[in-house]
PDB file of N, CA and C in Angstrom:
ATOM      1  N   MET A   1       8.824  10.887  11.175  1.00  0.00           N
ATOM      2  CA  MET A   1      10.171  10.854  10.674  1.00  0.00           C
ATOM      3  C   MET A   1      10.917  12.018  11.308  1.00  0.00           C
ATOM      4  N   CYS A   2      12.060  11.725  11.882  1.00  0.00           N
ATOM      5  CA  CYS A   2      12.936  12.759  12.415  1.00  0.00           C
ATOM      6  C   CYS A   2      14.226  12.757  11.612  1.00  0.00           C
ATOM      7  N   VAL A   3      14.667  13.944  11.232  1.00  0.00           N
ATOM      8  CA  VAL A   3      15.924  14.087  10.508  1.00  0.00           C
ATOM      9  C   VAL A   3      16.886  14.803  11.447  1.00  0.00           C
ATOM     10  N   ILE A   4      17.961  14.111  11.806  1.00  0.00           N
ATOM     11  CA  ILE A   4      18.938  14.627  12.758  1.00  0.00           C
ATOM     12  C   ILE A   4      20.292  14.746  12.067  1.00  0.00           C
ATOM     13  N   ASP A   5      20.961  15.877  12.271  1.00  0.00           N
ATOM     14  CA  ASP A   5      22.335  16.056  11.806  1.00  0.00           C
ATOM     15  C   ASP A   5      23.235  15.389  12.836  1.00  0.00           C
ATOM     16  N   ASP A   6      23.908  14.300  12.450  1.00  0.00           N
ATOM     17  CA  ASP A   6      24.750  13.550  13.391  1.00  0.00           C
ATOM     18  C   ASP A   6      25.906  14.382  13.930  1.00  0.00           C
ATOM     19  N   TYR A   7      26.390  15.329  13.163  1.00  0.00           N
ATOM     20  CA  TYR A   7      27.540  16.124  13.599  1.00  0.00           C
ATOM     21  C   TYR A   7      27.128  17.154  14.657  1.00  0.00           C
ATOM     22  N   SER A   8      26.098  17.938  14.353  1.00  0.00           N
ATOM     23  CA  SER A   8      25.694  19.010  15.268  1.00  0.00           C
ATOM     24  C   SER A   8      24.609  18.577  16.247  1.00  0.00           C
ATOM     25  N   ARG A   9      24.016  17.408  16.031  1.00  0.00           N
ATOM     26  CA  ARG A   9      22.895  16.895  16.830  1.00  0.00           C
ATOM     27  C   ARG A   9      21.654  17.782  16.729  1.00  0.00           C
ATOM     28  N   GLU A  10      21.583  18.540  15.653  1.00  0.00           N
ATOM     29  CA  GLU A  10      20.452  19.427  15.424  1.00  0.00           C
ATOM     30  C   GLU A  10      19.329  18.649  14.744  1.00  0.00           C
ATOM     31  N   CYS A  11      18.107  18.868  15.196  1.00  0.00           N
ATOM     32  CA  CYS A  11      16.937  18.266  14.550  1.00  0.00           C
ATOM     33  C   CYS A  11      16.562  19.147  13.366  1.00  0.00           C
ATOM     34  N   LEU A  12      16.692  18.616  12.164  1.00  0.00           N
ATOM     35  CA  LEU A  12      16.408  19.380  10.949  1.00  0.00           C
ATOM     36  C   LEU A  12      14.943  19.306  10.559  1.00  0.00           C
ATOM     37  N   ALA A  13      14.265  18.225  10.944  1.00  0.00           N
ATOM     38  CA  ALA A  13      12.841  18.079  10.628  1.00  0.00           C
ATOM     39  C   ALA A  13      12.232  17.016  11.519  1.00  0.00           C
ATOM     40  N   ALA A  14      10.971  17.224  11.838  1.00  0.00           N
ATOM     41  CA  ALA A  14      10.170  16.222  12.535  1.00  0.00           C
ATOM     42  C   ALA A  14       8.821  16.197  11.825  1.00  0.00           C
ATOM     43  N   VAL A  15       8.592  15.153  11.049  1.00  0.00           N
ATOM     44  CA  VAL A  15       7.375  15.041  10.241  1.00  0.00           C
ATOM     45  C   VAL A  15       6.507  13.949  10.856  1.00  0.00           C
ATOM     46  N   VAL A  16       5.293  14.323  11.212  1.00  0.00           N
ATOM     47  CA  VAL A  16       4.377  13.382  11.844  1.00  0.00           C
ATOM     48  C   VAL A  16       3.156  13.221  10.952  1.00  0.00           C
ATOM     49  N   ASP A  17       2.830  11.983  10.644  1.00  0.00           N
ATOM     50  CA  ASP A  17       1.658  11.690   9.819  1.00  0.00           C
ATOM     51  C   ASP A  17       1.286  10.238  10.054  1.00  0.00           C
ATOM     52  N   THR A  18       0.101   9.839   9.612  1.00  0.00           N
ATOM     53  CA  THR A  18      -0.316   8.458   9.790  1.00  0.00           C
ATOM     54  C   THR A  18       0.411   7.520   8.842  1.00  0.00           C
ATOM     55  N   SER A  19       0.886   8.053   7.712  1.00  0.00           N
ATOM     56  CA  SER A  19       1.605   7.235   6.741  1.00  0.00           C
ATOM     57  C   SER A  19       2.567   8.133   5.969  1.00  0.00           C
ATOM     58  N   LEU A  20       3.806   7.690   5.822  1.00  0.00           N
ATOM     59  CA  LEU A  20       4.801   8.443   5.058  1.00  0.00           C
ATOM     60  C   LEU A  20       5.302   7.570   3.915  1.00  0.00           C
ATOM     61  N   SER A  21       5.111   8.036   2.701  1.00  0.00           N
ATOM     62  CA  SER A  21       5.595   7.294   1.538  1.00  0.00           C
ATOM     63  C   SER A  21       7.028   7.710   1.232  1.00  0.00           C
ATOM     64  N   GLY A  22       7.690   6.951   0.387  1.00  0.00           N
ATOM     65  CA  GLY A  22       9.033   7.308  -0.053  1.00  0.00           C
ATOM     66  C   GLY A  22       9.050   8.634  -0.788  1.00  0.00           C
ATOM     67  N   GLN A  23       8.005   8.902  -1.569  1.00  0.00           N
ATOM     68  CA  GLN A  23       7.919  10.179  -2.292  1.00  0.00           C
ATOM     69  C   GLN A  23       7.803  11.343  -1.321  1.00  0.00           C
ATOM     70  N   ARG A  24       7.009  11.169  -0.279  1.00  0.00           N
ATOM     71  CA  ARG A  24       6.856  12.232   0.722  1.00  0.00           C
ATOM     72  C   ARG A  24       8.175  12.483   1.443  1.00  0.00           C
ATOM     73  N   ILE A  25       8.882  11.435   1.789  1.00  0.00           N
ATOM     74  CA  ILE A  25      10.173  11.583   2.454  1.00  0.00           C
ATOM     75  C   ILE A  25      11.153  12.305   1.539  1.00  0.00           C
ATOM     76  N   GLY A  26      11.154  11.959   0.261  1.00  0.00           N
ATOM     77  CA  GLY A  26      12.007  12.645  -0.699  1.00  0.00           C
ATOM     78  C   GLY A  26      11.699  14.129  -0.779  1.00  0.00           C
ATOM     79  N   ARG A  27      10.412  14.486  -0.777  1.00  0.00           N
ATOM     80  CA  ARG A  27      10.031  15.910  -0.802  1.00  0.00           C
ATOM     81  C   ARG A  27      10.511  16.629   0.450  1.00  0.00           C
ATOM     82  N   GLU A  28      10.384  15.978   1.609  1.00  0.00           N
ATOM     83  CA  GLU A  28      10.835  16.590   2.863  1.00  0.00           C
ATOM     84  C   GLU A  28      12.356  16.771   2.854  1.00  0.00           C
ATOM     85  N   LEU A  29      13.084  15.773   2.348  1.00  0.00           N
ATOM     86  CA  LEU A  29      14.543  15.888   2.276  1.00  0.00           C
ATOM     87  C   LEU A  29      14.957  16.989   1.303  1.00  0.00           C
ATOM     88  N   ASP A  30      14.230  17.133   0.209  1.00  0.00           N
ATOM     89  CA  ASP A  30      14.514  18.217  -0.743  1.00  0.00           C
ATOM     90  C   ASP A  30      14.290  19.585  -0.109  1.00  0.00           C
ATOM     91  N   SER A  31      13.243  19.707   0.709  1.00  0.00           N
ATOM     92  CA  SER A  31      12.984  21.002   1.353  1.00  0.00           C
ATOM     93  C   SER A  31      14.075  21.342   2.360  1.00  0.00           C
ATOM     94  N   ILE A  32      14.615  20.350   3.054  1.00  0.00           N
ATOM     95  CA  ILE A  32      15.743  20.588   3.958  1.00  0.00           C
ATOM     96  C   ILE A  32      16.972  20.978   3.148  1.00  0.00           C
ATOM     97  N   ALA A  33      17.189  20.301   2.024  1.00  0.00           N
ATOM     98  CA  ALA A  33      18.373  20.554   1.196  1.00  0.00           C
ATOM     99  C   ALA A  33      18.358  21.947   0.576  1.00  0.00           C
ATOM    100  N   ARG A  34      17.181  22.518   0.352  1.00  0.00           N
ATOM    101  CA  ARG A  34      17.124  23.882  -0.177  1.00  0.00           C
ATOM    102  C   ARG A  34      17.780  24.873   0.774  1.00  0.00           C
ATOM    103  N   VAL A  35      17.731  24.585   2.060  1.00  0.00           N
ATOM    104  CA  VAL A  35      18.322  25.467   3.067  1.00  0.00           C
ATOM    105  C   VAL A  35      19.731  25.023   3.441  1.00  0.00           C
ATOM    106  N   ARG A  36      19.937  23.717   3.623  1.00  0.00           N
ATOM    107  CA  ARG A  36      21.186  23.199   4.168  1.00  0.00           C
ATOM    108  C   ARG A  36      22.123  22.566   3.143  1.00  0.00           C
ATOM    109  N   GLY A  37      21.628  22.281   1.957  1.00  0.00           N
ATOM    110  CA  GLY A  37      22.413  21.547   0.967  1.00  0.00           C
ATOM    111  C   GLY A  37      22.224  20.053   1.160  1.00  0.00           C
ATOM    112  N   TYR A  38      22.603  19.281   0.146  1.00  0.00           N
ATOM    113  CA  TYR A  38      22.452  17.830   0.230  1.00  0.00           C
ATOM    114  C   TYR A  38      23.586  17.229   1.036  1.00  0.00           C
ATOM    115  N   PRO A  39      23.297  16.211   1.820  1.00  0.00           N
ATOM    116  CA  PRO A  39      24.349  15.566   2.598  1.00  0.00           C
ATOM    117  C   PRO A  39      25.177  14.625   1.727  1.00  0.00           C
ATOM    118  N   CYS A  40      26.330  14.236   2.229  1.00  0.00           N
ATOM    119  CA  CYS A  40      27.135  13.223   1.539  1.00  0.00           C
ATOM    120  C   CYS A  40      26.526  11.842   1.741  1.00  0.00           C
ATOM    121  N   MET A  41      25.958  11.612   2.945  1.00  0.00           N
ATOM    122  CA  MET A  41      25.409  10.302   3.277  1.00  0.00           C
ATOM    123  C   MET A  41      24.194  10.461   4.188  1.00  0.00           C
ATOM    124  N   VAL A  42      23.227   9.582   3.976  1.00  0.00           N
ATOM    125  CA  VAL A  42      22.060   9.478   4.848  1.00  0.00           C
ATOM    126  C   VAL A  42      22.136   8.101   5.500  1.00  0.00           C
ATOM    127  N   VAL A  43      21.942   8.053   6.809  1.00  0.00           N
ATOM    128  CA  VAL A  43      21.907   6.798   7.547  1.00  0.00           C
ATOM    129  C   VAL A  43      20.489   6.630   8.080  1.00  0.00           C
ATOM    130  N   SER A  44      19.895   5.479   7.814  1.00  0.00           N
ATOM    131  CA  SER A  44      18.511   5.254   8.242  1.00  0.00           C
ATOM    132  C   SER A  44      18.317   3.808   8.648  1.00  0.00           C
ATOM    133  N   ASP A  45      17.149   3.534   9.257  1.00  0.00           N
ATOM    134  CA  ASP A  45      16.797   2.139   9.470  1.00  0.00           C
ATOM    135  C   ASP A  45      16.327   1.578   8.131  1.00  0.00           C
ATOM    136  N   ASN A  46      15.909   0.341   8.119  1.00  0.00           N
ATOM    137  CA  ASN A  46      15.522  -0.264   6.839  1.00  0.00           C
ATOM    138  C   ASN A  46      14.012  -0.450   6.743  1.00  0.00           C
ATOM    139  N   GLY A  47      13.271   0.577   7.166  1.00  0.00           N
ATOM    140  CA  GLY A  47      11.816   0.558   7.035  1.00  0.00           C
ATOM    141  C   GLY A  47      11.396   0.558   5.577  1.00  0.00           C
ATOM    142  N   MET A  48      10.187   0.084   5.330  1.00  0.00           N
ATOM    143  CA  MET A  48       9.700  -0.043   3.951  1.00  0.00           C
ATOM    144  C   MET A  48       9.750   1.277   3.191  1.00  0.00           C
ATOM    145  N   GLU A  49       9.384   2.383   3.851  1.00  0.00           N
ATOM    146  CA  GLU A  49       9.363   3.675   3.164  1.00  0.00           C
ATOM    147  C   GLU A  49      10.766   4.180   2.860  1.00  0.00           C
ATOM    148  N   LEU A  50      11.771   3.705   3.597  1.00  0.00           N
ATOM    149  CA  LEU A  50      13.146   4.157   3.395  1.00  0.00           C
ATOM    150  C   LEU A  50      13.948   3.252   2.466  1.00  0.00           C
ATOM    151  N   THR A  51      13.372   2.144   2.054  1.00  0.00           N
ATOM    152  CA  THR A  51      14.024   1.253   1.096  1.00  0.00           C
ATOM    153  C   THR A  51      13.200   1.133  -0.190  1.00  0.00           C
ATOM    154  N   SER A  52      12.275   2.048  -0.387  1.00  0.00           N
ATOM    155  CA  SER A  52      11.388   1.998  -1.553  1.00  0.00           C
ATOM    156  C   SER A  52      12.112   2.456  -2.814  1.00  0.00           C
ATOM    157  N   ASN A  53      11.488   2.177  -3.946  1.00  0.00           N
ATOM    158  CA  ASN A  53      12.048   2.618  -5.232  1.00  0.00           C
ATOM    159  C   ASN A  53      12.130   4.137  -5.307  1.00  0.00           C
ATOM    160  N   ALA A  54      11.179   4.836  -4.676  1.00  0.00           N
ATOM    161  CA  ALA A  54      11.194   6.308  -4.697  1.00  0.00           C
ATOM    162  C   ALA A  54      12.441   6.844  -4.000  1.00  0.00           C
ATOM    163  N   ILE A  55      12.812   6.257  -2.878  1.00  0.00           N
ATOM    164  CA  ILE A  55      14.007   6.706  -2.148  1.00  0.00           C
ATOM    165  C   ILE A  55      15.267   6.301  -2.902  1.00  0.00           C
ATOM    166  N   LEU A  56      15.290   5.100  -3.477  1.00  0.00           N
ATOM    167  CA  LEU A  56      16.451   4.690  -4.273  1.00  0.00           C
ATOM    168  C   LEU A  56      16.660   5.633  -5.450  1.00  0.00           C
ATOM    169  N   ARG A  57      15.579   6.029  -6.101  1.00  0.00           N
ATOM    170  CA  ARG A  57      15.655   6.968  -7.216  1.00  0.00           C
ATOM    171  C   ARG A  57      16.107   8.349  -6.725  1.00  0.00           C
ATOM    172  N   TRP A  58      15.585   8.784  -5.566  1.00  0.00           N
ATOM    173  CA  TRP A  58      15.956  10.084  -4.987  1.00  0.00           C
ATOM    174  C   TRP A  58      17.456  10.144  -4.725  1.00  0.00           C
ATOM    175  N   GLN A  59      17.988   9.109  -4.076  1.00  0.00           N
ATOM    176  CA  GLN A  59      19.409   9.148  -3.719  1.00  0.00           C
ATOM    177  C   GLN A  59      20.303   9.014  -4.948  1.00  0.00           C
ATOM    178  N   GLU A  60      19.884   8.286  -5.957  1.00  0.00           N
ATOM    179  CA  GLU A  60      20.676   8.190  -7.184  1.00  0.00           C
ATOM    180  C   GLU A  60      20.663   9.513  -7.954  1.00  0.00           C
ATOM    181  N   ASP A  61      19.489  10.153  -8.056  1.00  0.00           N
ATOM    182  CA  ASP A  61      19.375  11.415  -8.789  1.00  0.00           C
ATOM    183  C   ASP A  61      20.188  12.529  -8.142  1.00  0.00           C
ATOM    184  N   ARG A  62      20.297  12.500  -6.827  1.00  0.00           N
ATOM    185  CA  ARG A  62      21.000  13.564  -6.098  1.00  0.00           C
ATOM    186  C   ARG A  62      22.411  13.168  -5.679  1.00  0.00           C
ATOM    187  N   GLN A  63      22.818  11.959  -6.040  1.00  0.00           N
ATOM    188  CA  GLN A  63      24.151  11.430  -5.739  1.00  0.00           C
ATOM    189  C   GLN A  63      24.460  11.495  -4.248  1.00  0.00           C
ATOM    190  N   VAL A  64      23.506  11.025  -3.451  1.00  0.00           N
ATOM    191  CA  VAL A  64      23.653  10.952  -2.002  1.00  0.00           C
ATOM    192  C   VAL A  64      23.789   9.481  -1.631  1.00  0.00           C
ATOM    193  N   GLU A  65      24.826   9.147  -0.891  1.00  0.00           N
ATOM    194  CA  GLU A  65      25.004   7.770  -0.446  1.00  0.00           C
ATOM    195  C   GLU A  65      23.980   7.475   0.640  1.00  0.00           C
ATOM    196  N   TRP A  66      23.395   6.279   0.609  1.00  0.00           N
ATOM    197  CA  TRP A  66      22.365   5.892   1.580  1.00  0.00           C
ATOM    198  C   TRP A  66      22.841   4.639   2.290  1.00  0.00           C
ATOM    199  N   HIS A  67      22.878   4.661   3.605  1.00  0.00           N
ATOM    200  CA  HIS A  67      23.321   3.515   4.395  1.00  0.00           C
ATOM    201  C   HIS A  67      22.184   3.101   5.328  1.00  0.00           C
ATOM    202  N   CYS A  68      21.746   1.860   5.221  1.00  0.00           N
ATOM    203  CA  CYS A  68      20.725   1.328   6.118  1.00  0.00           C
ATOM    204  C   CYS A  68      21.414   0.541   7.222  1.00  0.00           C
ATOM    205  N   ILE A  69      21.059   0.834   8.468  1.00  0.00           N
ATOM    206  CA  ILE A  69      21.646   0.099   9.583  1.00  0.00           C
ATOM    207  C   ILE A  69      21.048  -1.295   9.641  1.00  0.00           C
ATOM    208  N   ALA A  70      21.775  -2.229  10.213  1.00  0.00           N
ATOM    209  CA  ALA A  70      21.278  -3.597  10.344  1.00  0.00           C
ATOM    210  C   ALA A  70      20.130  -3.639  11.348  1.00  0.00           C
ATOM    211  N   PRO A  71      19.153  -4.512  11.137  1.00  0.00           N
ATOM    212  CA  PRO A  71      18.041  -4.614  12.081  1.00  0.00           C
ATOM    213  C   PRO A  71      18.539  -4.897  13.500  1.00  0.00           C
ATOM    214  N   GLY A  72      18.027  -4.134  14.452  1.00  0.00           N
ATOM    215  CA  GLY A  72      18.394  -4.324  15.845  1.00  0.00           C
ATOM    216  C   GLY A  72      19.707  -3.670  16.241  1.00  0.00           C
ATOM    217  N   LYS A  73      20.356  -2.958  15.317  1.00  0.00           N
ATOM    218  CA  LYS A  73      21.637  -2.302  15.599  1.00  0.00           C
ATOM    219  C   LYS A  73      21.458  -0.788  15.449  1.00  0.00           C
ATOM    220  N   PRO A  74      21.504  -0.038  16.549  1.00  0.00           N
ATOM    221  CA  PRO A  74      21.289   1.408  16.440  1.00  0.00           C
ATOM    222  C   PRO A  74      22.463   2.175  15.834  1.00  0.00           C
ATOM    223  N   MET A  75      23.608   1.581  15.693  1.00  0.00           N
ATOM    224  CA  MET A  75      24.779   2.303  15.160  1.00  0.00           C
ATOM    225  C   MET A  75      25.233   1.695  13.843  1.00  0.00           C
TER     226      MET A  75
END
């Protein structure tokens, strides 16, 4: 998982593992937010780990808008 700031093009995190759950992604996003603050919006693909109940709960609890790009569309 790579977390990129679209405005500054800065790589905020690069997490490599054999499997990433929604809970793990939420923990990684929380650790970034401790330093940078929570974003207004997260844009991601629609992978299973990014559309899980854990991520839906994470974004609702932190009031972060989540936008999934359409399959096959990078923008």
